Amino acid sequence: MLMMDLDGTVWDHLNITGVDPPYRVEGGVLVSENGTRIRPYQDAIEFIRWCRSNGAITCTLSWNRFDYVEEALKKLGIWELFDLHATEYTPDKAGRLRRVLDGLAGGGLVIPPERVVYVDDRDIHMEEIRRQVGEVIFIHIWKVIRDYAEARRIVEDKVLGTPAAREGPAGQ
């Protein structure tokens, strides 16, 4: 299970809720009517695609207005990368993550915390996530984890159990 923050994680803007739609796309960059530019991180998008190709259920986990996020993701052509959305204009990411896992469990798919990868550029939600959900794999992008290549190695090691996959031929 991949849970993705969006602001500062999938795109460079730190608060898309502060950027009123409508949006348009110019050269792969989201632009608001007043000219604010929001650049998606291509490495983040490739990381999400890679996780999906390795069987991950993907979900947004963002403290934003859902309608703004929906329009941004659709305009950028990446809406379909997410199976689920846990985006609300509330800081309760732990509660939303718990509800997603409970909903999946209610449908017969139990995902233990150690199989949940949560990517965020801030760690302010982690104490409550650990309390309500358990020890998820937290990728503190740009701070502790320097880039999405390192994030991928963590997923390979901790979720897929394939550290050799990144070593190349003959363990190089």
N, C-alpha and C. Protein backbone atom coordinates (compact mmCIF):
# COMPACT_ATOMS: atom_id res chain seq x y z
N MET A 1 0.85 -1.17 0.00
CA MET A 1 0.00 0.00 0.00
C MET A 1 0.89 1.23 0.00
N LEU A 2 0.66 2.13 -0.94
CA LEU A 2 1.41 3.38 -1.02
C LEU A 2 0.47 4.54 -0.72
N MET A 3 0.80 5.29 0.32
CA MET A 3 0.05 6.48 0.71
C MET A 3 0.91 7.69 0.38
N MET A 4 0.42 8.58 -0.47
CA MET A 4 1.22 9.72 -0.92
C MET A 4 0.63 11.05 -0.47
N ASP A 5 1.43 11.82 0.24
CA ASP A 5 1.15 13.23 0.41
C ASP A 5 1.32 13.86 -0.98
N LEU A 6 0.82 15.06 -1.18
CA LEU A 6 0.91 15.70 -2.49
C LEU A 6 1.76 16.97 -2.45
N ASP A 7 1.42 17.92 -1.58
CA ASP A 7 2.14 19.19 -1.51
C ASP A 7 3.59 18.96 -1.10
N GLY A 8 4.52 19.44 -1.94
CA GLY A 8 5.93 19.29 -1.63
C GLY A 8 6.44 17.87 -1.80
N THR A 9 5.58 16.99 -2.31
CA THR A 9 5.92 15.57 -2.43
C THR A 9 5.70 15.08 -3.86
N VAL A 10 4.52 15.34 -4.41
CA VAL A 10 4.22 15.00 -5.80
C VAL A 10 4.41 16.23 -6.69
N TRP A 11 4.20 17.40 -6.12
CA TRP A 11 4.46 18.66 -6.84
C TRP A 11 5.19 19.62 -5.91
N ASP A 12 5.74 20.69 -6.51
CA ASP A 12 6.62 21.59 -5.76
C ASP A 12 5.88 22.61 -4.89
N HIS A 13 4.62 22.83 -5.12
CA HIS A 13 3.88 23.80 -4.32
C HIS A 13 3.57 23.20 -2.96
N LEU A 14 3.60 24.03 -1.92
CA LEU A 14 3.41 23.53 -0.55
C LEU A 14 1.99 23.61 -0.04
N ASN A 15 1.07 24.20 -0.83
CA ASN A 15 -0.33 24.28 -0.38
C ASN A 15 -1.24 24.56 -1.56
N ILE A 16 -1.62 23.51 -2.27
CA ILE A 16 -2.46 23.71 -3.45
C ILE A 16 -3.83 24.28 -3.09
N THR A 17 -4.27 24.09 -1.87
CA THR A 17 -5.55 24.66 -1.45
C THR A 17 -5.50 26.19 -1.47
N GLY A 18 -4.32 26.76 -1.42
CA GLY A 18 -4.16 28.21 -1.51
C GLY A 18 -4.09 28.73 -2.93
N VAL A 19 -4.25 27.84 -3.91
CA VAL A 19 -4.17 28.22 -5.32
C VAL A 19 -5.52 27.89 -5.97
N ASP A 20 -6.31 28.92 -6.17
CA ASP A 20 -7.67 28.70 -6.68
C ASP A 20 -7.69 28.22 -8.12
N PRO A 21 -8.52 27.21 -8.40
CA PRO A 21 -8.76 26.80 -9.79
C PRO A 21 -9.60 27.87 -10.49
N PRO A 22 -9.76 27.80 -11.77
CA PRO A 22 -9.39 26.68 -12.64
C PRO A 22 -7.89 26.67 -12.94
N TYR A 23 -7.43 25.47 -13.30
CA TYR A 23 -6.04 25.27 -13.67
C TYR A 23 -5.97 24.92 -15.15
N ARG A 24 -4.81 25.20 -15.72
CA ARG A 24 -4.50 24.74 -17.08
C ARG A 24 -3.08 24.18 -17.02
N VAL A 25 -2.69 23.47 -18.06
CA VAL A 25 -1.35 22.91 -18.11
C VAL A 25 -0.59 23.56 -19.26
N GLU A 26 0.60 24.03 -18.95
CA GLU A 26 1.50 24.61 -19.96
C GLU A 26 2.85 23.92 -19.83
N GLY A 27 3.22 23.16 -20.84
CA GLY A 27 4.52 22.49 -20.81
C GLY A 27 4.69 21.55 -19.64
N GLY A 28 3.63 20.87 -19.25
CA GLY A 28 3.70 19.92 -18.14
C GLY A 28 3.59 20.56 -16.77
N VAL A 29 3.40 21.88 -16.72
CA VAL A 29 3.29 22.61 -15.46
C VAL A 29 1.85 23.07 -15.28
N LEU A 30 1.33 22.88 -14.08
CA LEU A 30 -0.02 23.33 -13.75
C LEU A 30 0.04 24.83 -13.49
N VAL A 31 -0.88 25.59 -14.11
CA VAL A 31 -0.89 27.05 -13.96
C VAL A 31 -2.29 27.48 -13.56
N SER A 32 -2.38 28.31 -12.52
CA SER A 32 -3.68 28.82 -12.08
C SER A 32 -4.02 30.06 -12.89
N GLU A 33 -5.25 30.54 -12.74
CA GLU A 33 -5.68 31.75 -13.46
C GLU A 33 -4.82 32.95 -13.11
N ASN A 34 -4.34 33.03 -11.87
CA ASN A 34 -3.52 34.18 -11.48
C ASN A 34 -2.04 33.97 -11.79
N GLY A 35 -1.69 32.87 -12.45
CA GLY A 35 -0.32 32.64 -12.89
C GLY A 35 0.56 31.82 -11.97
N THR A 36 0.03 31.34 -10.86
CA THR A 36 0.82 30.47 -9.97
C THR A 36 1.14 29.18 -10.71
N ARG A 37 2.42 28.80 -10.66
CA ARG A 37 2.89 27.60 -11.37
C ARG A 37 3.19 26.50 -10.37
N ILE A 38 2.68 25.31 -10.66
CA ILE A 38 2.87 24.14 -9.80
C ILE A 38 3.51 23.06 -10.66
N ARG A 39 4.75 22.73 -10.32
CA ARG A 39 5.51 21.77 -11.12
C ARG A 39 5.45 20.38 -10.49
N PRO A 40 4.96 19.41 -11.24
CA PRO A 40 4.99 18.04 -10.71
C PRO A 40 6.42 17.52 -10.70
N TYR A 41 6.72 16.70 -9.72
CA TYR A 41 8.01 16.02 -9.66
C TYR A 41 7.90 14.75 -10.48
N GLN A 42 8.58 14.72 -11.61
CA GLN A 42 8.50 13.55 -12.48
C GLN A 42 9.02 12.29 -11.79
N ASP A 43 10.02 12.44 -10.93
CA ASP A 43 10.53 11.27 -10.19
C ASP A 43 9.46 10.70 -9.26
N ALA A 44 8.64 11.57 -8.69
CA ALA A 44 7.55 11.10 -7.82
C ALA A 44 6.52 10.32 -8.63
N ILE A 45 6.19 10.85 -9.80
CA ILE A 45 5.21 10.19 -10.66
C ILE A 45 5.74 8.82 -11.10
N GLU A 46 7.01 8.76 -11.46
CA GLU A 46 7.61 7.48 -11.85
C GLU A 46 7.65 6.51 -10.67
N PHE A 47 7.90 7.02 -9.47
CA PHE A 47 7.90 6.18 -8.27
C PHE A 47 6.51 5.58 -8.05
N ILE A 48 5.47 6.39 -8.19
CA ILE A 48 4.09 5.89 -8.03
C ILE A 48 3.81 4.82 -9.08
N ARG A 49 4.18 5.09 -10.32
CA ARG A 49 3.98 4.09 -11.39
C ARG A 49 4.72 2.79 -11.07
N TRP A 50 5.95 2.91 -10.60
CA TRP A 50 6.75 1.73 -10.25
C TRP A 50 6.08 0.95 -9.13
N CYS A 51 5.61 1.65 -8.11
CA CYS A 51 4.91 0.96 -7.01
C CYS A 51 3.69 0.22 -7.52
N ARG A 52 2.91 0.88 -8.38
CA ARG A 52 1.73 0.22 -8.96
C ARG A 52 2.14 -1.02 -9.75
N SER A 53 3.20 -0.90 -10.53
CA SER A 53 3.64 -2.04 -11.35
C SER A 53 4.13 -3.20 -10.49
N ASN A 54 4.42 -2.92 -9.23
CA ASN A 54 4.84 -3.96 -8.29
C ASN A 54 3.71 -4.36 -7.35
N GLY A 55 2.48 -4.02 -7.72
CA GLY A 55 1.31 -4.51 -7.01
C GLY A 55 0.75 -3.62 -5.92
N ALA A 56 1.28 -2.42 -5.76
CA ALA A 56 0.79 -1.54 -4.69
C ALA A 56 -0.58 -0.97 -5.01
N ILE A 57 -1.41 -0.89 -4.00
CA ILE A 57 -2.61 -0.06 -4.04
C ILE A 57 -2.13 1.34 -3.71
N THR A 58 -2.53 2.32 -4.49
CA THR A 58 -2.04 3.68 -4.29
C THR A 58 -3.17 4.59 -3.84
N CYS A 59 -2.82 5.51 -2.94
CA CYS A 59 -3.83 6.38 -2.34
C CYS A 59 -3.22 7.73 -2.02
N THR A 60 -3.95 8.80 -2.32
CA THR A 60 -3.53 10.12 -1.85
C THR A 60 -3.81 10.21 -0.36
N LEU A 61 -2.96 10.92 0.35
CA LEU A 61 -3.18 11.19 1.77
C LEU A 61 -2.71 12.62 1.99
N SER A 62 -3.62 13.55 1.69
CA SER A 62 -3.25 14.96 1.63
C SER A 62 -4.21 15.82 2.44
N TRP A 63 -3.66 16.84 3.07
CA TRP A 63 -4.43 17.81 3.85
C TRP A 63 -4.74 18.97 2.91
N ASN A 64 -5.75 18.80 2.08
CA ASN A 64 -6.13 19.78 1.07
C ASN A 64 -7.61 19.66 0.75
N ARG A 65 -8.10 20.66 0.05
CA ARG A 65 -9.46 20.55 -0.49
C ARG A 65 -9.46 19.50 -1.58
N PHE A 66 -10.37 18.55 -1.48
CA PHE A 66 -10.41 17.46 -2.44
C PHE A 66 -10.68 17.97 -3.85
N ASP A 67 -11.59 18.94 -4.02
CA ASP A 67 -11.92 19.42 -5.36
C ASP A 67 -10.71 20.05 -6.04
N TYR A 68 -9.85 20.74 -5.30
CA TYR A 68 -8.64 21.33 -5.88
C TYR A 68 -7.68 20.22 -6.30
N VAL A 69 -7.49 19.24 -5.44
CA VAL A 69 -6.59 18.13 -5.73
C VAL A 69 -7.10 17.34 -6.93
N GLU A 70 -8.39 17.07 -6.95
CA GLU A 70 -8.95 16.31 -8.07
C GLU A 70 -8.69 17.02 -9.40
N GLU A 71 -8.96 18.32 -9.44
CA GLU A 71 -8.73 19.06 -10.69
C GLU A 71 -7.25 19.04 -11.06
N ALA A 72 -6.38 19.27 -10.09
CA ALA A 72 -4.94 19.29 -10.37
C ALA A 72 -4.46 17.94 -10.91
N LEU A 73 -4.83 16.86 -10.24
CA LEU A 73 -4.40 15.53 -10.68
C LEU A 73 -4.94 15.20 -12.07
N LYS A 74 -6.19 15.55 -12.32
CA LYS A 74 -6.78 15.27 -13.64
C LYS A 74 -6.11 16.11 -14.72
N LYS A 75 -5.88 17.39 -14.46
CA LYS A 75 -5.23 18.25 -15.46
C LYS A 75 -3.81 17.77 -15.76
N LEU A 76 -3.12 17.29 -14.74
CA LEU A 76 -1.76 16.79 -14.94
C LEU A 76 -1.73 15.39 -15.55
N GLY A 77 -2.90 14.76 -15.68
CA GLY A 77 -2.98 13.43 -16.28
C GLY A 77 -2.51 12.32 -15.38
N ILE A 78 -2.57 12.54 -14.06
CA ILE A 78 -2.09 11.52 -13.12
C ILE A 78 -3.17 11.05 -12.14
N TRP A 79 -4.39 11.47 -12.35
CA TRP A 79 -5.51 11.04 -11.50
C TRP A 79 -5.58 9.52 -11.43
N GLU A 80 -5.43 8.87 -12.58
CA GLU A 80 -5.59 7.42 -12.67
C GLU A 80 -4.45 6.65 -11.99
N LEU A 81 -3.41 7.33 -11.56
CA LEU A 81 -2.34 6.65 -10.83
C LEU A 81 -2.76 6.26 -9.42
N PHE A 82 -3.87 6.83 -8.94
CA PHE A 82 -4.32 6.57 -7.58
C PHE A 82 -5.59 5.74 -7.58
N ASP A 83 -5.55 4.64 -6.84
CA ASP A 83 -6.72 3.78 -6.71
C ASP A 83 -7.74 4.37 -5.74
N LEU A 84 -7.24 5.05 -4.73
CA LEU A 84 -8.08 5.61 -3.67
C LEU A 84 -7.62 7.02 -3.34
N HIS A 85 -8.51 7.75 -2.68
CA HIS A 85 -8.18 9.12 -2.26
C HIS A 85 -8.60 9.32 -0.81
N ALA A 86 -7.64 9.74 0.00
CA ALA A 86 -7.91 10.09 1.40
C ALA A 86 -7.46 11.53 1.61
N THR A 87 -7.97 12.40 0.74
CA THR A 87 -7.64 13.82 0.78
C THR A 87 -8.83 14.57 1.33
N GLU A 88 -8.57 15.28 2.40
CA GLU A 88 -9.59 16.12 3.04
C GLU A 88 -8.90 17.34 3.61
N TYR A 89 -9.67 18.40 3.81
CA TYR A 89 -9.11 19.63 4.37
C TYR A 89 -9.13 19.55 5.89
N THR A 90 -8.38 18.59 6.40
CA THR A 90 -8.22 18.37 7.83
C THR A 90 -6.85 17.75 8.07
N PRO A 91 -6.21 18.07 9.18
CA PRO A 91 -4.89 17.51 9.44
C PRO A 91 -4.90 16.05 9.91
N ASP A 92 -6.06 15.43 10.05
CA ASP A 92 -6.15 14.08 10.62
C ASP A 92 -5.76 13.00 9.62
N LYS A 93 -4.51 12.99 9.21
CA LYS A 93 -4.04 11.97 8.28
C LYS A 93 -4.07 10.58 8.90
N ALA A 94 -3.80 10.49 10.19
CA ALA A 94 -3.81 9.19 10.86
C ALA A 94 -5.20 8.57 10.80
N GLY A 95 -6.22 9.36 11.09
CA GLY A 95 -7.59 8.86 11.04
C GLY A 95 -8.00 8.44 9.64
N ARG A 96 -7.59 9.22 8.65
CA ARG A 96 -7.92 8.87 7.27
C ARG A 96 -7.20 7.60 6.83
N LEU A 97 -5.94 7.47 7.20
CA LEU A 97 -5.20 6.25 6.88
C LEU A 97 -5.85 5.04 7.56
N ARG A 98 -6.23 5.18 8.81
CA ARG A 98 -6.91 4.11 9.53
C ARG A 98 -8.21 3.72 8.83
N ARG A 99 -8.99 4.71 8.37
CA ARG A 99 -10.26 4.43 7.68
C ARG A 99 -10.02 3.70 6.35
N VAL A 100 -8.98 4.09 5.62
CA VAL A 100 -8.65 3.39 4.37
C VAL A 100 -8.34 1.93 4.66
N LEU A 101 -7.47 1.69 5.63
CA LEU A 101 -7.11 0.30 5.96
C LEU A 101 -8.31 -0.48 6.48
N ASP A 102 -9.15 0.14 7.30
CA ASP A 102 -10.35 -0.53 7.80
C ASP A 102 -11.31 -0.84 6.66
N GLY A 103 -11.45 0.08 5.72
CA GLY A 103 -12.33 -0.15 4.57
C GLY A 103 -11.85 -1.31 3.71
N LEU A 104 -10.55 -1.37 3.47
CA LEU A 104 -10.00 -2.49 2.71
C LEU A 104 -10.18 -3.80 3.46
N ALA A 105 -9.95 -3.77 4.78
CA ALA A 105 -10.13 -4.98 5.59
C ALA A 105 -11.58 -5.44 5.57
N GLY A 106 -12.51 -4.49 5.57
CA GLY A 106 -13.93 -4.83 5.50
C GLY A 106 -14.29 -5.53 4.20
N GLY A 107 -13.50 -5.27 3.16
CA GLY A 107 -13.69 -5.94 1.87
C GLY A 107 -12.85 -7.20 1.74
N GLY A 108 -12.17 -7.59 2.82
CA GLY A 108 -11.40 -8.83 2.80
C GLY A 108 -9.91 -8.66 2.55
N LEU A 109 -9.44 -7.43 2.39
CA LEU A 109 -8.02 -7.21 2.14
C LEU A 109 -7.38 -6.56 3.37
N VAL A 110 -6.69 -7.35 4.15
CA VAL A 110 -6.05 -6.86 5.37
C VAL A 110 -4.60 -6.51 5.03
N ILE A 111 -4.25 -5.24 5.24
CA ILE A 111 -2.88 -4.78 5.00
C ILE A 111 -2.29 -4.37 6.34
N PRO A 112 -1.27 -5.10 6.80
CA PRO A 112 -0.66 -4.74 8.09
C PRO A 112 0.17 -3.46 7.95
N PRO A 113 0.37 -2.74 9.04
CA PRO A 113 1.10 -1.47 8.99
C PRO A 113 2.47 -1.58 8.33
N GLU A 114 3.17 -2.67 8.56
CA GLU A 114 4.52 -2.81 8.01
C GLU A 114 4.53 -2.99 6.50
N ARG A 115 3.35 -3.09 5.88
CA ARG A 115 3.23 -3.16 4.42
C ARG A 115 2.69 -1.86 3.83
N VAL A 116 2.59 -0.83 4.67
CA VAL A 116 2.12 0.49 4.24
C VAL A 116 3.33 1.41 4.11
N VAL A 117 3.49 2.00 2.94
CA VAL A 117 4.54 2.99 2.71
C VAL A 117 3.86 4.35 2.65
N TYR A 118 4.30 5.26 3.51
CA TYR A 118 3.74 6.61 3.57
C TYR A 118 4.84 7.59 3.21
N VAL A 119 4.62 8.39 2.15
CA VAL A 119 5.60 9.36 1.67
C VAL A 119 5.08 10.76 1.97
N ASP A 120 5.90 11.55 2.66
CA ASP A 120 5.54 12.94 2.99
C ASP A 120 6.82 13.74 3.14
N ASP A 121 6.73 15.03 2.87
CA ASP A 121 7.89 15.90 3.06
C ASP A 121 7.96 16.46 4.48
N ARG A 122 6.95 16.16 5.29
CA ARG A 122 6.94 16.60 6.69
C ARG A 122 6.62 15.39 7.57
N ASP A 123 7.13 15.43 8.79
CA ASP A 123 6.90 14.31 9.70
C ASP A 123 5.89 14.62 10.79
N ILE A 124 5.14 15.71 10.66
CA ILE A 124 4.26 16.17 11.75
C ILE A 124 3.11 15.21 12.05
N HIS A 125 2.80 14.31 11.14
CA HIS A 125 1.68 13.39 11.34
C HIS A 125 2.12 12.02 11.86
N MET A 126 3.42 11.79 11.91
CA MET A 126 3.91 10.44 12.19
C MET A 126 3.60 9.93 13.58
N GLU A 127 3.67 10.76 14.58
CA GLU A 127 3.39 10.28 15.94
C GLU A 127 1.97 9.73 16.04
N GLU A 128 1.03 10.47 15.48
CA GLU A 128 -0.36 10.03 15.53
C GLU A 128 -0.60 8.83 14.62
N ILE A 129 0.05 8.77 13.47
CA ILE A 129 -0.07 7.60 12.59
C ILE A 129 0.44 6.36 13.32
N ARG A 130 1.57 6.48 13.97
CA ARG A 130 2.10 5.32 14.72
C ARG A 130 1.14 4.91 15.83
N ARG A 131 0.53 5.88 16.49
CA ARG A 131 -0.40 5.58 17.58
C ARG A 131 -1.66 4.89 17.06
N GLN A 132 -2.23 5.40 15.97
CA GLN A 132 -3.51 4.88 15.47
C GLN A 132 -3.36 3.68 14.53
N VAL A 133 -2.25 3.63 13.79
CA VAL A 133 -2.11 2.61 12.74
C VAL A 133 -1.01 1.61 13.07
N GLY A 134 0.12 2.09 13.55
CA GLY A 134 1.26 1.23 13.83
C GLY A 134 2.49 1.71 13.09
N GLU A 135 3.48 0.84 13.02
CA GLU A 135 4.77 1.19 12.42
C GLU A 135 4.74 1.03 10.90
N VAL A 136 4.23 2.06 10.24
CA VAL A 136 4.27 2.09 8.78
C VAL A 136 5.70 2.42 8.34
N ILE A 137 5.98 2.18 7.08
CA ILE A 137 7.27 2.57 6.51
C ILE A 137 7.15 4.03 6.08
N PHE A 138 7.82 4.90 6.80
CA PHE A 138 7.73 6.33 6.52
C PHE A 138 8.91 6.77 5.68
N ILE A 139 8.61 7.33 4.53
CA ILE A 139 9.63 7.90 3.66
C ILE A 139 9.52 9.42 3.79
N HIS A 140 10.43 9.98 4.57
CA HIS A 140 10.48 11.42 4.81
C HIS A 140 11.29 12.04 3.68
N ILE A 141 10.59 12.26 2.56
CA ILE A 141 11.25 12.65 1.32
C ILE A 141 11.88 14.04 1.44
N TRP A 142 13.03 14.19 0.85
CA TRP A 142 13.85 15.41 0.80
C TRP A 142 14.58 15.70 2.11
N LYS A 143 14.15 15.13 3.22
CA LYS A 143 14.78 15.40 4.52
C LYS A 143 15.68 14.23 4.91
N VAL A 144 15.08 13.09 5.22
CA VAL A 144 15.84 11.90 5.61
C VAL A 144 16.16 11.07 4.37
N ILE A 145 15.19 10.96 3.49
CA ILE A 145 15.35 10.23 2.23
C ILE A 145 15.55 11.27 1.14
N ARG A 146 16.70 11.25 0.49
CA ARG A 146 17.09 12.38 -0.36
C ARG A 146 16.36 12.48 -1.70
N ASP A 147 15.86 11.34 -2.22
CA ASP A 147 15.19 11.37 -3.52
C ASP A 147 14.36 10.10 -3.70
N TYR A 148 13.66 10.05 -4.82
CA TYR A 148 12.79 8.90 -5.07
C TYR A 148 13.55 7.64 -5.46
N ALA A 149 14.78 7.76 -5.91
CA ALA A 149 15.60 6.56 -6.15
C ALA A 149 15.88 5.87 -4.82
N GLU A 150 16.19 6.65 -3.80
CA GLU A 150 16.41 6.07 -2.47
C GLU A 150 15.10 5.51 -1.91
N ALA A 151 13.99 6.20 -2.16
CA ALA A 151 12.68 5.69 -1.71
C ALA A 151 12.40 4.33 -2.35
N ARG A 152 12.72 4.20 -3.62
CA ARG A 152 12.50 2.92 -4.30
C ARG A 152 13.33 1.81 -3.66
N ARG A 153 14.59 2.11 -3.33
CA ARG A 153 15.44 1.10 -2.68
C ARG A 153 14.84 0.67 -1.34
N ILE A 154 14.27 1.60 -0.62
CA ILE A 154 13.65 1.26 0.67
C ILE A 154 12.47 0.32 0.45
N VAL A 155 11.64 0.62 -0.54
CA VAL A 155 10.50 -0.25 -0.84
C VAL A 155 10.99 -1.62 -1.29
N GLU A 156 12.02 -1.65 -2.12
CA GLU A 156 12.58 -2.94 -2.54
C GLU A 156 13.03 -3.76 -1.34
N ASP A 157 13.72 -3.12 -0.42
CA ASP A 157 14.26 -3.82 0.75
C ASP A 157 13.18 -4.22 1.75
N LYS A 158 12.32 -3.28 2.11
CA LYS A 158 11.39 -3.49 3.23
C LYS A 158 10.05 -4.09 2.84
N VAL A 159 9.65 -3.92 1.59
CA VAL A 159 8.34 -4.44 1.17
C VAL A 159 8.50 -5.61 0.21
N LEU A 160 9.29 -5.41 -0.82
CA LEU A 160 9.44 -6.46 -1.82
C LEU A 160 10.45 -7.52 -1.42
N GLY A 161 11.36 -7.15 -0.52
CA GLY A 161 12.38 -8.11 -0.08
C GLY A 161 13.36 -8.48 -1.16
N THR A 162 13.66 -7.52 -2.04
CA THR A 162 14.55 -7.81 -3.16
C THR A 162 15.72 -6.84 -3.23
N PRO A 163 16.58 -6.80 -2.23
CA PRO A 163 17.71 -5.88 -2.31
C PRO A 163 18.63 -6.16 -3.48
N ALA A 164 18.70 -7.41 -3.92
CA ALA A 164 19.57 -7.76 -5.04
C ALA A 164 19.07 -7.16 -6.35
N ALA A 165 17.79 -6.83 -6.42
CA ALA A 165 17.23 -6.29 -7.65
C ALA A 165 17.89 -4.98 -8.04
N ARG A 166 18.42 -4.24 -7.09
CA ARG A 166 19.03 -2.95 -7.41
C ARG A 166 20.54 -3.06 -7.62
N GLU A 167 21.11 -4.24 -7.33
CA GLU A 167 22.57 -4.39 -7.42
C GLU A 167 23.06 -4.58 -8.85
N GLY A 168 22.17 -4.96 -9.74
CA GLY A 168 22.59 -5.17 -11.12
C GLY A 168 23.07 -6.60 -11.34
N PRO A 169 23.58 -6.88 -12.53
CA PRO A 169 24.02 -8.23 -12.88
C PRO A 169 25.15 -8.71 -11.96
N ALA A 170 25.07 -9.96 -11.60
CA ALA A 170 26.11 -10.63 -10.81
C ALA A 170 26.46 -9.88 -9.53
N GLY A 171 25.46 -9.23 -8.92
CA GLY A 171 25.67 -8.57 -7.64
C GLY A 171 26.52 -7.31 -7.71
N GLN A 172 26.65 -6.71 -8.90
CA GLN A 172 27.49 -5.52 -9.05
C GLN A 172 26.83 -4.29 -8.48
